């Protein structure tokens, strides 16, 4: 196994805790869970709805992937965390599904949690693989 590479993406989302944007080892890329924080103004209030929060999370994840020369086609697994699971699972899934072709969706786990940093309603992390 090669030594892991710890990546902080220039212009990437501001971390809400002490972590790297991604860690890479032997072609596997583990992207830290991203929050629905506006990259242009991290102090801006979070969007009030799950659909917009999910889109902002994806924008942040895509920024990290692009910073590594990757895109959503390289994602093999996603973990999703929702604070209002029963109410927001269906609208979350509609937005989530729009980012992946039906025949190339990553493996996924989606769970309800009691709270997320900054009062977010959604967080998503990825595992990607370099070609």
N, C-alpha and C. Protein backbone atom coordinates (compact mmCIF):
# COMPACT_ATOMS: atom_id res chain seq x y z
N UNK A 1 0.84 -1.17 0.00
CA UNK A 1 0.00 0.00 0.00
C UNK A 1 0.89 1.24 0.00
N UNK A 2 0.56 2.20 -0.86
CA UNK A 2 1.32 3.44 -0.91
C UNK A 2 0.89 4.35 0.24
N UNK A 3 1.71 5.36 0.48
CA UNK A 3 1.39 6.31 1.54
C UNK A 3 0.17 7.15 1.13
N UNK A 4 -0.70 7.44 2.06
CA UNK A 4 -1.87 8.26 1.72
C UNK A 4 -1.47 9.70 1.39
N UNK A 5 -2.25 10.31 0.50
CA UNK A 5 -2.08 11.71 0.15
C UNK A 5 -3.25 12.48 0.76
N UNK A 6 -2.95 13.55 1.44
CA UNK A 6 -3.97 14.35 2.11
C UNK A 6 -4.18 15.62 1.30
N UNK A 7 -5.38 15.82 0.79
CA UNK A 7 -5.66 16.91 -0.14
C UNK A 7 -6.51 18.00 0.49
N UNK A 8 -6.06 19.24 0.33
CA UNK A 8 -6.88 20.43 0.59
C UNK A 8 -6.97 21.14 -0.75
N UNK A 9 -8.17 21.34 -1.24
CA UNK A 9 -8.41 21.89 -2.56
C UNK A 9 -8.43 23.41 -2.50
N UNK A 10 -7.56 24.05 -3.29
CA UNK A 10 -7.55 25.51 -3.36
C UNK A 10 -8.92 25.98 -3.85
N UNK A 11 -9.51 26.91 -3.12
CA UNK A 11 -10.83 27.40 -3.49
C UNK A 11 -11.96 26.46 -3.10
N UNK A 12 -11.61 25.38 -2.40
CA UNK A 12 -12.62 24.42 -1.97
C UNK A 12 -13.42 24.92 -0.79
N UNK A 13 -14.44 24.17 -0.41
CA UNK A 13 -15.28 24.56 0.72
C UNK A 13 -14.45 24.72 2.00
N UNK A 14 -14.80 25.70 2.79
CA UNK A 14 -14.12 25.91 4.06
C UNK A 14 -14.51 24.80 5.02
N UNK A 15 -13.54 24.07 5.54
CA UNK A 15 -13.87 22.99 6.49
C UNK A 15 -14.54 23.53 7.75
N UNK A 16 -15.51 22.78 8.26
CA UNK A 16 -16.19 23.14 9.50
C UNK A 16 -15.56 22.44 10.70
N UNK A 17 -14.52 21.64 10.45
CA UNK A 17 -13.83 20.89 11.50
C UNK A 17 -12.41 20.59 10.98
N UNK A 18 -11.55 20.01 11.81
CA UNK A 18 -10.19 19.71 11.36
C UNK A 18 -10.13 18.44 10.50
N UNK A 19 -10.17 18.60 9.18
CA UNK A 19 -10.09 17.47 8.26
C UNK A 19 -9.55 17.91 6.91
N UNK A 20 -9.15 16.95 6.10
CA UNK A 20 -8.75 17.19 4.72
C UNK A 20 -9.98 17.09 3.84
N UNK A 21 -9.98 17.79 2.71
CA UNK A 21 -11.08 17.65 1.77
C UNK A 21 -11.18 16.22 1.26
N UNK A 22 -10.03 15.59 1.07
CA UNK A 22 -10.01 14.20 0.58
C UNK A 22 -8.70 13.55 0.97
N UNK A 23 -8.73 12.25 1.08
CA UNK A 23 -7.53 11.46 1.30
C UNK A 23 -7.51 10.38 0.23
N UNK A 24 -6.34 10.21 -0.37
CA UNK A 24 -6.20 9.28 -1.50
C UNK A 24 -5.14 8.24 -1.19
N UNK A 25 -5.43 7.00 -1.55
CA UNK A 25 -4.48 5.92 -1.35
C UNK A 25 -4.72 4.84 -2.40
N UNK A 26 -3.71 4.51 -3.15
CA UNK A 26 -3.78 3.45 -4.16
C UNK A 26 -4.95 3.62 -5.13
N UNK A 27 -5.22 4.86 -5.53
CA UNK A 27 -6.28 5.13 -6.50
C UNK A 27 -7.65 5.31 -5.91
N UNK A 28 -7.80 5.03 -4.62
CA UNK A 28 -9.07 5.25 -3.93
C UNK A 28 -9.06 6.66 -3.35
N UNK A 29 -10.14 7.38 -3.52
CA UNK A 29 -10.24 8.75 -3.04
C UNK A 29 -11.45 8.84 -2.10
N UNK A 30 -11.19 9.23 -0.87
CA UNK A 30 -12.21 9.35 0.15
C UNK A 30 -12.49 10.83 0.37
N UNK A 31 -13.64 11.28 -0.10
CA UNK A 31 -14.01 12.70 -0.04
C UNK A 31 -14.80 12.93 1.25
N UNK A 32 -14.31 13.85 2.05
CA UNK A 32 -14.97 14.19 3.31
C UNK A 32 -16.39 14.67 3.06
N UNK A 33 -17.27 14.34 3.98
CA UNK A 33 -18.65 14.79 3.89
C UNK A 33 -18.71 16.30 3.76
N UNK A 34 -19.52 16.74 2.81
CA UNK A 34 -19.66 18.17 2.57
C UNK A 34 -21.01 18.66 3.09
N UNK A 35 -21.01 19.91 3.47
CA UNK A 35 -22.17 20.56 4.06
C UNK A 35 -22.78 21.51 3.03
N UNK A 36 -24.00 21.98 3.28
CA UNK A 36 -24.64 22.92 2.35
C UNK A 36 -24.22 24.37 2.60
N UNK A 37 -22.92 24.58 2.69
CA UNK A 37 -22.37 25.90 2.97
C UNK A 37 -21.94 26.53 1.65
N UNK A 38 -22.41 27.75 1.41
CA UNK A 38 -22.10 28.49 0.19
C UNK A 38 -20.59 28.77 0.14
N UNK A 39 -19.93 28.30 -0.92
CA UNK A 39 -18.49 28.51 -1.06
C UNK A 39 -18.13 29.99 -1.17
N UNK A 40 -19.04 30.79 -1.73
CA UNK A 40 -18.76 32.21 -1.93
C UNK A 40 -18.92 33.02 -0.63
N UNK A 41 -19.74 32.52 0.30
CA UNK A 41 -19.99 33.24 1.55
C UNK A 41 -20.31 32.23 2.64
N UNK A 42 -19.26 31.75 3.29
CA UNK A 42 -19.46 30.70 4.30
C UNK A 42 -20.30 31.15 5.49
N UNK A 43 -20.46 32.45 5.69
CA UNK A 43 -21.27 32.92 6.81
C UNK A 43 -22.74 33.10 6.43
N UNK A 44 -23.07 32.90 5.16
CA UNK A 44 -24.46 33.04 4.72
C UNK A 44 -25.33 31.99 5.40
N UNK A 45 -26.58 32.33 5.70
CA UNK A 45 -27.48 31.33 6.29
C UNK A 45 -27.67 30.15 5.33
N UNK A 46 -27.88 28.97 5.89
CA UNK A 46 -28.14 27.80 5.06
C UNK A 46 -29.51 27.94 4.41
N UNK A 47 -29.64 27.36 3.22
CA UNK A 47 -30.93 27.37 2.53
C UNK A 47 -31.98 26.70 3.43
N UNK A 48 -33.23 27.15 3.35
CA UNK A 48 -34.25 26.61 4.25
C UNK A 48 -34.83 25.28 3.82
N UNK A 49 -34.54 24.81 2.60
CA UNK A 49 -35.18 23.59 2.11
C UNK A 49 -34.15 22.53 1.74
N UNK A 50 -34.57 21.28 1.80
CA UNK A 50 -33.68 20.14 1.55
C UNK A 50 -33.19 20.11 0.11
N UNK A 51 -34.03 20.51 -0.83
CA UNK A 51 -33.62 20.47 -2.23
C UNK A 51 -32.43 21.40 -2.49
N UNK A 52 -32.53 22.63 -2.02
CA UNK A 52 -31.43 23.58 -2.23
C UNK A 52 -30.20 23.15 -1.44
N UNK A 53 -30.39 22.72 -0.20
CA UNK A 53 -29.24 22.26 0.58
C UNK A 53 -28.54 21.11 -0.14
N UNK A 54 -29.29 20.19 -0.72
CA UNK A 54 -28.68 19.06 -1.42
C UNK A 54 -27.89 19.54 -2.63
N UNK A 55 -28.42 20.49 -3.38
CA UNK A 55 -27.70 21.03 -4.54
C UNK A 55 -26.39 21.71 -4.13
N UNK A 56 -26.42 22.44 -3.01
CA UNK A 56 -25.21 23.10 -2.53
C UNK A 56 -24.19 22.06 -2.08
N UNK A 57 -24.63 21.01 -1.42
CA UNK A 57 -23.72 19.93 -1.03
C UNK A 57 -23.07 19.34 -2.27
N UNK A 58 -23.86 19.05 -3.31
CA UNK A 58 -23.29 18.51 -4.54
C UNK A 58 -22.30 19.48 -5.18
N UNK A 59 -22.61 20.77 -5.16
CA UNK A 59 -21.66 21.75 -5.71
C UNK A 59 -20.33 21.68 -4.98
N UNK A 60 -20.38 21.54 -3.66
CA UNK A 60 -19.15 21.44 -2.87
C UNK A 60 -18.40 20.14 -3.16
N UNK A 61 -19.13 19.04 -3.27
CA UNK A 61 -18.49 17.76 -3.59
C UNK A 61 -17.84 17.82 -4.98
N UNK A 62 -18.54 18.40 -5.94
CA UNK A 62 -18.01 18.51 -7.30
C UNK A 62 -16.76 19.37 -7.32
N UNK A 63 -16.73 20.43 -6.53
CA UNK A 63 -15.53 21.27 -6.43
C UNK A 63 -14.34 20.45 -5.95
N UNK A 64 -14.55 19.64 -4.92
CA UNK A 64 -13.45 18.81 -4.41
C UNK A 64 -13.01 17.80 -5.48
N UNK A 65 -13.97 17.12 -6.10
CA UNK A 65 -13.63 16.15 -7.14
C UNK A 65 -12.84 16.81 -8.27
N UNK A 66 -13.31 17.95 -8.75
CA UNK A 66 -12.62 18.66 -9.85
C UNK A 66 -11.21 19.05 -9.44
N UNK A 67 -11.05 19.46 -8.20
CA UNK A 67 -9.72 19.82 -7.71
C UNK A 67 -8.75 18.65 -7.75
N UNK A 68 -9.28 17.45 -7.82
CA UNK A 68 -8.47 16.23 -7.90
C UNK A 68 -8.44 15.65 -9.31
N UNK A 69 -9.03 16.37 -10.26
CA UNK A 69 -9.08 15.88 -11.64
C UNK A 69 -10.10 14.78 -11.83
N UNK A 70 -11.12 14.74 -10.99
CA UNK A 70 -12.17 13.72 -11.05
C UNK A 70 -13.52 14.38 -11.24
N UNK A 71 -14.54 13.55 -11.46
CA UNK A 71 -15.91 14.04 -11.55
C UNK A 71 -16.85 12.97 -11.00
N UNK A 72 -18.14 13.22 -11.10
CA UNK A 72 -19.12 12.30 -10.52
C UNK A 72 -19.06 10.90 -11.13
N UNK A 73 -18.56 10.77 -12.34
CA UNK A 73 -18.46 9.44 -12.96
C UNK A 73 -17.45 8.55 -12.23
N UNK A 74 -16.59 9.13 -11.41
CA UNK A 74 -15.59 8.35 -10.67
C UNK A 74 -16.10 7.90 -9.30
N UNK A 75 -17.28 8.38 -8.90
CA UNK A 75 -17.82 8.06 -7.57
C UNK A 75 -18.38 6.64 -7.58
N UNK A 76 -17.94 5.82 -6.62
CA UNK A 76 -18.40 4.43 -6.52
C UNK A 76 -19.29 4.20 -5.30
N UNK A 77 -19.24 5.12 -4.34
CA UNK A 77 -20.04 4.95 -3.14
C UNK A 77 -20.34 6.32 -2.54
N UNK A 78 -21.55 6.45 -2.00
CA UNK A 78 -21.95 7.68 -1.31
C UNK A 78 -22.58 7.31 0.02
N UNK A 79 -22.33 8.16 1.00
CA UNK A 79 -23.03 8.04 2.28
C UNK A 79 -23.74 9.36 2.52
N UNK A 80 -25.03 9.27 2.81
CA UNK A 80 -25.88 10.45 2.94
C UNK A 80 -26.49 10.46 4.33
N UNK A 81 -26.54 11.65 4.89
CA UNK A 81 -27.05 11.82 6.25
C UNK A 81 -28.12 12.91 6.23
N UNK A 82 -29.30 12.59 6.74
CA UNK A 82 -30.44 13.52 6.76
C UNK A 82 -30.93 13.69 8.19
N UNK A 83 -31.21 14.93 8.57
CA UNK A 83 -31.70 15.16 9.94
C UNK A 83 -33.22 15.06 10.04
N UNK A 84 -33.91 15.16 8.92
CA UNK A 84 -35.38 15.03 8.93
C UNK A 84 -35.75 13.90 7.96
N UNK A 85 -35.26 12.74 8.27
CA UNK A 85 -35.29 11.62 7.34
C UNK A 85 -36.69 11.33 6.78
N UNK A 86 -37.65 11.13 7.63
CA UNK A 86 -38.97 10.71 7.13
C UNK A 86 -39.64 11.77 6.27
N UNK A 87 -39.45 13.03 6.61
CA UNK A 87 -40.07 14.11 5.84
C UNK A 87 -39.31 14.44 4.56
N UNK A 88 -38.00 14.24 4.56
CA UNK A 88 -37.20 14.76 3.46
C UNK A 88 -36.52 13.71 2.59
N UNK A 89 -36.73 12.44 2.90
CA UNK A 89 -36.10 11.38 2.12
C UNK A 89 -36.52 11.43 0.65
N UNK A 90 -37.80 11.55 0.37
CA UNK A 90 -38.28 11.57 -1.03
C UNK A 90 -37.77 12.78 -1.80
N UNK A 91 -37.90 14.02 -1.28
CA UNK A 91 -37.38 15.15 -2.05
C UNK A 91 -35.86 15.11 -2.19
N UNK A 92 -35.17 14.63 -1.16
CA UNK A 92 -33.72 14.46 -1.25
C UNK A 92 -33.38 13.51 -2.40
N UNK A 93 -34.07 12.37 -2.46
CA UNK A 93 -33.79 11.38 -3.51
C UNK A 93 -34.02 11.93 -4.90
N UNK A 94 -35.03 12.77 -5.09
CA UNK A 94 -35.28 13.36 -6.41
C UNK A 94 -34.09 14.20 -6.86
N UNK A 95 -33.57 15.02 -5.96
CA UNK A 95 -32.41 15.85 -6.30
C UNK A 95 -31.18 14.97 -6.49
N UNK A 96 -30.91 14.07 -5.55
CA UNK A 96 -29.75 13.18 -5.63
C UNK A 96 -29.73 12.44 -6.97
N UNK A 97 -30.85 11.86 -7.35
CA UNK A 97 -30.91 11.06 -8.58
C UNK A 97 -30.58 11.87 -9.82
N UNK A 98 -30.81 13.17 -9.79
CA UNK A 98 -30.56 14.01 -10.97
C UNK A 98 -29.07 14.16 -11.28
N UNK A 99 -28.21 13.77 -10.37
CA UNK A 99 -26.77 13.92 -10.57
C UNK A 99 -26.10 12.70 -11.20
N UNK A 100 -26.81 11.59 -11.28
CA UNK A 100 -26.21 10.35 -11.78
C UNK A 100 -27.11 9.72 -12.83
N UNK A 101 -26.53 9.19 -13.92
CA UNK A 101 -27.35 8.44 -14.88
C UNK A 101 -27.94 7.20 -14.19
N UNK A 102 -29.14 6.82 -14.61
CA UNK A 102 -29.81 5.67 -13.97
C UNK A 102 -28.98 4.41 -13.96
N UNK A 103 -28.18 4.21 -14.99
CA UNK A 103 -27.41 2.97 -15.09
C UNK A 103 -26.01 3.08 -14.49
N UNK A 104 -25.70 4.22 -13.81
CA UNK A 104 -24.36 4.40 -13.23
C UNK A 104 -24.44 5.09 -11.87
N UNK A 105 -25.39 4.66 -11.06
CA UNK A 105 -25.51 5.25 -9.73
C UNK A 105 -24.58 4.53 -8.76
N UNK A 106 -23.88 5.29 -7.91
CA UNK A 106 -22.98 4.65 -6.95
C UNK A 106 -23.74 3.84 -5.91
N UNK A 107 -23.04 2.92 -5.29
CA UNK A 107 -23.58 2.27 -4.10
C UNK A 107 -23.86 3.38 -3.10
N UNK A 108 -24.85 3.16 -2.22
CA UNK A 108 -25.22 4.27 -1.34
C UNK A 108 -25.81 3.77 -0.04
N UNK A 109 -25.51 4.51 1.01
CA UNK A 109 -26.17 4.37 2.30
C UNK A 109 -26.77 5.72 2.63
N UNK A 110 -27.99 5.72 3.13
CA UNK A 110 -28.65 6.97 3.54
C UNK A 110 -29.29 6.73 4.89
N UNK A 111 -28.90 7.53 5.87
CA UNK A 111 -29.40 7.33 7.22
C UNK A 111 -29.91 8.63 7.82
N UNK A 112 -30.83 8.49 8.76
CA UNK A 112 -31.29 9.62 9.53
C UNK A 112 -30.38 9.82 10.73
N UNK A 113 -30.07 11.07 11.02
CA UNK A 113 -29.21 11.41 12.16
C UNK A 113 -29.89 12.49 12.98
N UNK A 114 -29.45 12.66 14.21
CA UNK A 114 -30.11 13.63 15.08
C UNK A 114 -29.66 15.06 14.81
N UNK A 115 -28.44 15.26 14.32
CA UNK A 115 -27.96 16.61 14.06
C UNK A 115 -26.73 16.57 13.17
N UNK A 116 -26.49 17.68 12.48
CA UNK A 116 -25.29 17.86 11.67
C UNK A 116 -24.69 19.23 12.01
N UNK A 117 -23.42 19.42 11.69
CA UNK A 117 -22.74 20.68 11.96
C UNK A 117 -23.49 21.84 11.31
N UNK A 118 -23.44 22.98 11.97
CA UNK A 118 -24.03 24.24 11.49
C UNK A 118 -25.53 24.17 11.27
N UNK A 119 -26.20 23.17 11.83
CA UNK A 119 -27.64 23.06 11.67
C UNK A 119 -28.07 22.58 10.29
N UNK A 120 -27.14 21.99 9.55
CA UNK A 120 -27.45 21.49 8.21
C UNK A 120 -28.46 20.36 8.30
N UNK A 121 -29.20 20.17 7.21
CA UNK A 121 -30.17 19.09 7.13
C UNK A 121 -29.66 17.92 6.32
N UNK A 122 -28.53 18.11 5.61
CA UNK A 122 -27.97 17.04 4.78
C UNK A 122 -26.45 17.15 4.74
N UNK A 123 -25.81 16.01 4.69
CA UNK A 123 -24.37 15.90 4.47
C UNK A 123 -24.16 14.66 3.61
N UNK A 124 -23.21 14.73 2.69
CA UNK A 124 -22.89 13.59 1.81
C UNK A 124 -21.39 13.46 1.71
N UNK A 125 -20.89 12.23 1.81
CA UNK A 125 -19.49 11.98 1.50
C UNK A 125 -19.40 10.95 0.37
N UNK A 126 -18.24 10.88 -0.26
CA UNK A 126 -18.04 10.00 -1.41
C UNK A 126 -16.79 9.16 -1.25
N UNK A 127 -16.81 8.01 -1.90
CA UNK A 127 -15.61 7.25 -2.22
C UNK A 127 -15.55 7.22 -3.74
N UNK A 128 -14.42 7.62 -4.26
CA UNK A 128 -14.21 7.62 -5.72
C UNK A 128 -13.00 6.77 -6.05
N UNK A 129 -12.88 6.42 -7.31
CA UNK A 129 -11.76 5.57 -7.76
C UNK A 129 -11.19 6.19 -9.02
N UNK A 130 -9.88 6.37 -9.02
CA UNK A 130 -9.20 6.84 -10.22
C UNK A 130 -9.21 5.74 -11.27
N UNK A 131 -9.32 6.13 -12.55
CA UNK A 131 -9.28 5.10 -13.62
C UNK A 131 -7.91 4.45 -13.72
